[in-house]
């Protein structure tokens, strides 16, 4: 599987327990978060340091103790800065099974009628202890952790509803269409990053003229389309170099770079190290 597969197709948990937990440090291969989206919900907890997180078109810097709730379908990504952070990615449908008492509220969240606030720990001091306990349970996976995990998720949503940490969502059709255009471009890059890709072709996928597309894409992601493409390719290269016995030249070709020297130069630009030095690091 590719290092970053966005729209993210990677499996989160199991069929009967669709939830995954990630603990990220500066030494983690997946430490940086390229701009992406997925059909799951995500809870981020900043343990230390700071994280410059972009959600759709808004960038905010979060710090230790912050808990961020990311709704399904939201474009997100960002840069950690001396940061340790945890992510819980889950399918909200897991809380719907045979639970008639909570079904209407959960369905309203999934339908977008209830949009949970992003920075939920800022508004309620009950949130952080719940999320810390949830992360601890998922990290240790002791017998019975599945029961405790679902219990903490129900408690978390219960507090969100009790404290009114949400708003009734009003759809902006034009904004939604533009966001979907960017998602289509990200999907195309995910599936075709090893091929030759031009700005004009990406603009056609988005249904925009190249000049406007470049400006809009940059306003959303903080990068030009080609800058993002190269950044994405380097992230894929990191995964290949970390998990496969593959030469630097083979990695360059597999990630869409026809010239090895240009690949090394681009890799250094984004990672502040060469591919050869990167492979010597211990994770």
Protein backbone atom coordinates (compact mmCIF):
# COMPACT_ATOMS: atom_id res chain seq x y z
CA UNK A 1 0.00 0.00 0.00
CA UNK A 2 1.23 3.48 -0.79
CA UNK A 3 2.57 5.71 1.97
CA UNK A 4 -0.32 8.10 1.59
CA UNK A 5 -3.42 6.95 -0.23
CA UNK A 6 -5.78 9.92 -0.45
CA UNK A 7 -8.76 9.63 -0.63
CA UNK A 8 -7.53 7.28 2.09
CA UNK A 9 -8.44 3.72 1.19
CA UNK A 10 -6.46 2.08 3.94
CA UNK A 11 -8.46 -0.10 6.25
CA UNK A 12 -9.15 1.35 9.70
CA UNK A 13 -9.39 -1.44 12.24
CA UNK A 14 -11.43 -4.52 11.33
CA UNK A 15 -14.84 -5.09 9.78
CA UNK A 16 -16.50 -5.59 13.17
CA UNK A 17 -14.35 -2.99 14.95
CA UNK A 18 -13.59 -0.20 12.43
CA UNK A 19 -11.35 2.02 14.53
CA UNK A 20 -7.61 2.64 14.37
CA UNK A 21 -5.18 4.41 16.68
CA UNK A 22 -1.92 6.11 15.68
CA UNK A 23 0.79 7.53 17.96
CA UNK A 24 3.05 9.85 15.96
CA UNK A 25 6.46 11.21 16.90
CA UNK A 26 9.16 12.93 14.82
CA UNK A 27 10.66 9.47 14.19
CA UNK A 28 7.43 7.96 12.83
CA UNK A 29 7.39 7.28 9.05
CA UNK A 30 3.89 8.80 8.88
CA UNK A 31 4.77 11.83 11.01
CA UNK A 32 3.86 14.45 8.39
CA UNK A 33 0.26 14.73 7.25
CA UNK A 34 -0.21 15.41 3.51
CA UNK A 35 -3.48 17.07 2.54
CA UNK A 36 -6.15 14.38 2.22
CA UNK A 37 -9.68 13.34 3.08
CA UNK A 38 -11.50 10.16 4.04
CA UNK A 39 -14.96 8.86 4.82
CA UNK A 40 -14.13 8.25 8.48
CA UNK A 41 -14.18 10.59 11.45
CA UNK A 42 -10.95 11.50 13.17
CA UNK A 43 -9.97 12.75 16.61
CA UNK A 44 -6.53 14.30 17.05
CA UNK A 45 -4.90 14.91 20.41
CA UNK A 46 -1.78 17.08 20.60
CA UNK A 47 0.44 15.58 23.30
CA UNK A 48 3.35 18.00 22.99
CA UNK A 49 4.66 20.65 20.61
CA UNK A 50 2.40 22.20 18.02
CA UNK A 51 0.62 21.24 14.82
CA UNK A 52 -0.29 23.60 11.95
CA UNK A 53 -3.49 21.94 10.75
CA UNK A 54 -5.51 22.96 7.69
CA UNK A 55 -9.16 21.94 7.58
CA UNK A 56 -10.70 22.72 4.18
CA UNK A 57 -9.43 26.28 3.64
CA UNK A 58 -8.67 27.33 7.25
CA UNK A 59 -5.28 26.82 8.92
CA UNK A 60 -4.97 26.84 12.72
CA UNK A 61 -2.04 26.07 15.00
CA UNK A 62 -2.92 23.68 17.81
CA UNK A 63 -0.83 23.03 20.93
CA UNK A 64 -0.38 20.46 23.70
CA UNK A 65 -3.69 19.58 25.30
CA UNK A 66 -5.80 20.46 22.27
CA UNK A 67 -8.32 17.94 20.96
CA UNK A 68 -9.53 18.35 17.37
CA UNK A 69 -12.57 16.65 15.87
CA UNK A 70 -12.39 16.15 12.09
CA UNK A 71 -15.64 15.37 10.29
CA UNK A 72 -15.81 12.86 7.45
CA UNK A 73 -15.14 14.32 4.01
CA UNK A 74 -13.19 17.33 5.32
CA UNK A 75 -9.95 18.04 3.49
CA UNK A 76 -7.17 18.14 6.06
CA UNK A 77 -3.43 18.03 6.43
CA UNK A 78 -0.62 19.97 8.00
CA UNK A 79 2.83 20.27 9.47
CA UNK A 80 3.79 19.09 12.99
CA UNK A 81 6.43 21.14 14.78
CA UNK A 82 8.44 19.25 17.43
CA UNK A 83 5.14 17.50 17.98
CA UNK A 84 3.89 14.27 19.45
CA UNK A 85 0.28 13.63 18.56
CA UNK A 86 -2.30 10.86 18.54
CA UNK A 87 -5.03 10.13 16.00
CA UNK A 88 -8.14 8.01 16.34
CA UNK A 89 -9.79 7.24 13.01
CA UNK A 90 -13.16 5.51 13.16
CA UNK A 91 -16.38 4.69 11.35
CA UNK A 92 -19.26 6.27 13.25
CA UNK A 93 -21.53 3.49 12.00
CA UNK A 94 -19.97 1.24 14.63
CA UNK A 95 -22.05 3.09 17.25
CA UNK A 96 -25.29 2.54 15.30
CA UNK A 97 -25.47 -1.22 15.69
CA UNK A 98 -28.57 -2.22 17.64
CA UNK A 99 -28.62 1.12 19.43
CA UNK A 100 -32.03 2.67 18.87
CA UNK A 101 -31.68 5.18 21.71
CA UNK A 102 -28.74 6.99 20.07
CA UNK A 103 -29.41 6.21 16.41
CA UNK A 104 -31.18 9.46 15.50
CA UNK A 105 -28.41 11.67 16.87
CA UNK A 106 -25.62 9.62 15.33
CA UNK A 107 -27.45 9.61 12.00
CA UNK A 108 -27.81 13.40 12.19
CA UNK A 109 -24.03 13.69 12.71
CA UNK A 110 -23.32 11.42 9.73
CA UNK A 111 -25.82 13.31 7.55
CA UNK A 112 -24.16 16.60 8.39
CA UNK A 113 -27.23 18.03 10.13
CA UNK A 114 -25.18 18.18 13.32
CA UNK A 115 -21.65 19.45 12.73
CA UNK A 116 -19.43 18.92 15.74
CA UNK A 117 -17.13 21.82 16.60
CA UNK A 118 -13.52 21.36 15.55
CA UNK A 119 -11.63 22.49 18.65
CA UNK A 120 -13.79 20.66 21.16
CA UNK A 121 -11.31 20.80 24.07
CA UNK A 122 -11.25 24.61 23.92
CA UNK A 123 -14.89 24.83 24.94
CA UNK A 124 -15.18 22.07 27.51
CA UNK A 125 -12.65 20.77 30.05
CA UNK A 126 -14.45 17.41 30.18
CA UNK A 127 -13.21 16.51 26.70
CA UNK A 128 -9.44 16.03 27.22
CA UNK A 129 -9.70 13.42 30.03
CA UNK A 130 -12.11 11.33 27.94
CA UNK A 131 -9.87 11.42 24.86
CA UNK A 132 -6.74 10.68 26.92
CA UNK A 133 -8.41 7.60 28.40
CA UNK A 134 -9.65 6.56 24.96
CA UNK A 135 -6.14 6.80 23.50
CA UNK A 136 -4.68 4.88 26.45
CA UNK A 137 -7.17 2.05 26.03
CA UNK A 138 -6.54 1.81 22.28
CA UNK A 139 -2.78 1.91 22.75
CA UNK A 140 -2.71 -0.93 25.28
CA UNK A 141 -5.47 -3.12 23.79
CA UNK A 142 -5.98 -5.12 26.96
CA UNK A 143 -8.77 -7.72 27.12
CA UNK A 144 -12.10 -5.93 27.00
CA UNK A 145 -10.72 -2.81 25.34
CA UNK A 146 -13.40 -3.00 22.63
CA UNK A 147 -16.12 -2.42 25.24
CA UNK A 148 -14.23 0.45 26.86
CA UNK A 149 -13.47 2.05 23.49
CA UNK A 150 -17.11 2.21 22.50
CA UNK A 151 -18.04 3.39 25.96
CA UNK A 152 -15.60 6.31 25.75
CA UNK A 153 -16.88 7.23 22.27
CA UNK A 154 -20.48 7.28 23.52
CA UNK A 155 -19.40 9.36 26.51
CA UNK A 156 -17.53 11.78 24.26
CA UNK A 157 -20.50 12.29 21.95
CA UNK A 158 -22.78 12.57 24.97
CA UNK A 159 -20.67 15.40 26.39
CA UNK A 160 -20.56 17.09 22.98
CA UNK A 161 -24.36 17.04 22.80
CA UNK A 162 -24.79 18.04 26.46
CA UNK A 163 -22.41 21.00 26.15
CA UNK A 164 -23.76 21.93 22.70
CA UNK A 165 -20.33 21.69 21.07
CA UNK A 166 -21.88 21.61 17.62
CA UNK A 167 -23.91 23.65 15.21
CA UNK A 168 -26.71 22.98 12.80
CA UNK A 169 -25.06 22.69 9.40
CA UNK A 170 -26.05 24.87 6.47
CA UNK A 171 -24.79 23.60 3.12
CA UNK A 172 -22.99 26.01 0.79
CA UNK A 173 -23.51 24.44 -2.64
CA UNK A 174 -20.84 26.45 -4.48
CA UNK A 175 -18.19 25.84 -1.80
CA UNK A 176 -19.08 22.13 -1.71
CA UNK A 177 -18.67 21.86 -5.49
CA UNK A 178 -15.25 23.48 -5.38
CA UNK A 179 -14.15 21.25 -2.52
CA UNK A 180 -15.28 18.21 -4.48
CA UNK A 181 -13.21 19.43 -7.43
CA UNK A 182 -10.10 19.52 -5.23
CA UNK A 183 -10.94 16.06 -3.88
CA UNK A 184 -11.13 14.76 -7.47
CA UNK A 185 -7.65 16.13 -8.12
CA UNK A 186 -6.26 14.54 -4.94
CA UNK A 187 -7.85 11.23 -5.92
CA UNK A 188 -6.22 11.44 -9.34
CA UNK A 189 -2.80 12.22 -7.86
CA UNK A 190 -3.18 9.30 -5.45
CA UNK A 191 -3.89 6.87 -8.29
CA UNK A 192 -1.48 8.27 -10.89
CA UNK A 193 1.42 9.93 -9.04
CA UNK A 194 3.94 7.62 -10.76
CA UNK A 195 2.91 8.95 -14.19
CA UNK A 196 3.71 12.23 -15.91
CA UNK A 197 1.12 14.78 -14.71
CA UNK A 198 0.76 18.34 -15.98
CA UNK A 199 -0.90 21.36 -14.40
CA UNK A 200 -3.25 21.59 -17.37
CA UNK A 201 -4.47 18.03 -16.90
CA UNK A 202 -5.14 18.58 -13.19
CA UNK A 203 -7.02 21.79 -14.01
CA UNK A 204 -9.24 19.91 -16.46
CA UNK A 205 -10.06 17.33 -13.79
CA UNK A 206 -11.08 20.18 -11.47
CA UNK A 207 -13.13 21.82 -14.24
CA UNK A 208 -11.25 25.13 -13.87
CA UNK A 209 -8.87 27.12 -16.02
CA UNK A 210 -5.24 26.54 -14.99
CA UNK A 211 -4.66 30.00 -13.55
CA UNK A 212 -7.76 29.99 -11.34
CA UNK A 213 -7.24 26.34 -10.40
CA UNK A 214 -3.66 27.00 -9.30
CA UNK A 215 -4.78 29.93 -7.14
CA UNK A 216 -7.73 28.06 -5.63
CA UNK A 217 -5.74 24.88 -4.95
CA UNK A 218 -3.06 26.90 -3.21
CA UNK A 219 -5.64 28.70 -1.07
CA UNK A 220 -6.93 25.30 0.04
CA UNK A 221 -3.69 23.40 0.59
CA UNK A 222 -0.99 26.04 1.01
CA UNK A 223 0.83 24.57 -2.00
CA UNK A 224 0.61 24.93 -5.76
CA UNK A 225 -0.69 21.78 -7.54
CA UNK A 226 2.78 20.82 -8.81
CA UNK A 227 4.37 21.54 -5.44
CA UNK A 228 1.77 19.29 -3.81
CA UNK A 229 2.35 16.58 -6.45
CA UNK A 230 6.09 16.53 -5.76
CA UNK A 231 5.49 16.64 -2.00
CA UNK A 232 3.13 13.67 -2.32
CA UNK A 233 5.64 11.76 -4.44
CA UNK A 234 8.35 12.29 -1.84
CA UNK A 235 6.01 11.02 0.90
CA UNK A 236 5.40 7.88 -1.17
CA UNK A 237 9.14 7.54 -1.66
CA UNK A 238 9.65 7.67 2.11
CA UNK A 239 7.35 4.69 2.55
CA UNK A 240 9.11 2.73 -0.18
CA UNK A 241 12.55 3.43 1.27
CA UNK A 242 11.32 2.49 4.76
CA UNK A 243 9.63 -0.77 3.85
CA UNK A 244 11.22 -2.16 0.68
CA UNK A 245 14.68 -3.28 -0.42
CA UNK A 246 14.74 -0.90 -3.36
CA UNK A 247 17.40 1.34 -4.90
CA UNK A 248 17.15 5.12 -4.97
CA UNK A 249 16.89 5.06 -8.77
CA UNK A 250 14.06 2.50 -8.68
CA UNK A 251 12.30 4.58 -6.02
CA UNK A 252 12.61 7.71 -8.14
CA UNK A 253 11.08 6.03 -11.18
CA UNK A 254 8.31 4.38 -9.13
CA UNK A 255 7.35 7.76 -7.69
CA UNK A 256 7.15 9.63 -10.99
CA UNK A 257 10.65 11.14 -11.19
CA UNK A 258 12.35 10.44 -14.52
CA UNK A 259 15.64 11.95 -13.34
CA UNK A 260 17.40 10.58 -10.27
CA UNK A 261 19.31 13.79 -9.54
CA UNK A 262 16.10 15.82 -9.63
CA UNK A 263 14.51 13.28 -7.28
CA UNK A 264 17.38 13.68 -4.79
CA UNK A 265 17.13 17.47 -5.02
CA UNK A 266 13.35 17.40 -4.50
CA UNK A 267 13.63 14.90 -1.65
CA UNK A 268 16.12 17.15 0.14
CA UNK A 269 13.80 20.14 -0.36
CA UNK A 270 10.95 18.48 1.54
CA UNK A 271 12.84 16.26 3.99
CA UNK A 272 16.02 18.28 4.61
CA UNK A 273 18.02 15.12 4.00
CA UNK A 274 18.93 12.91 1.05
CA UNK A 275 17.20 9.59 0.24
CA UNK A 276 20.41 7.74 1.12
CA UNK A 277 20.65 9.45 4.52
CA UNK A 278 16.94 8.82 5.09
CA UNK A 279 17.36 5.05 4.65
CA UNK A 280 20.01 5.00 7.38
CA UNK A 281 17.66 6.44 9.98
CA UNK A 282 16.17 4.11 12.54
CA UNK A 283 12.42 4.37 13.12
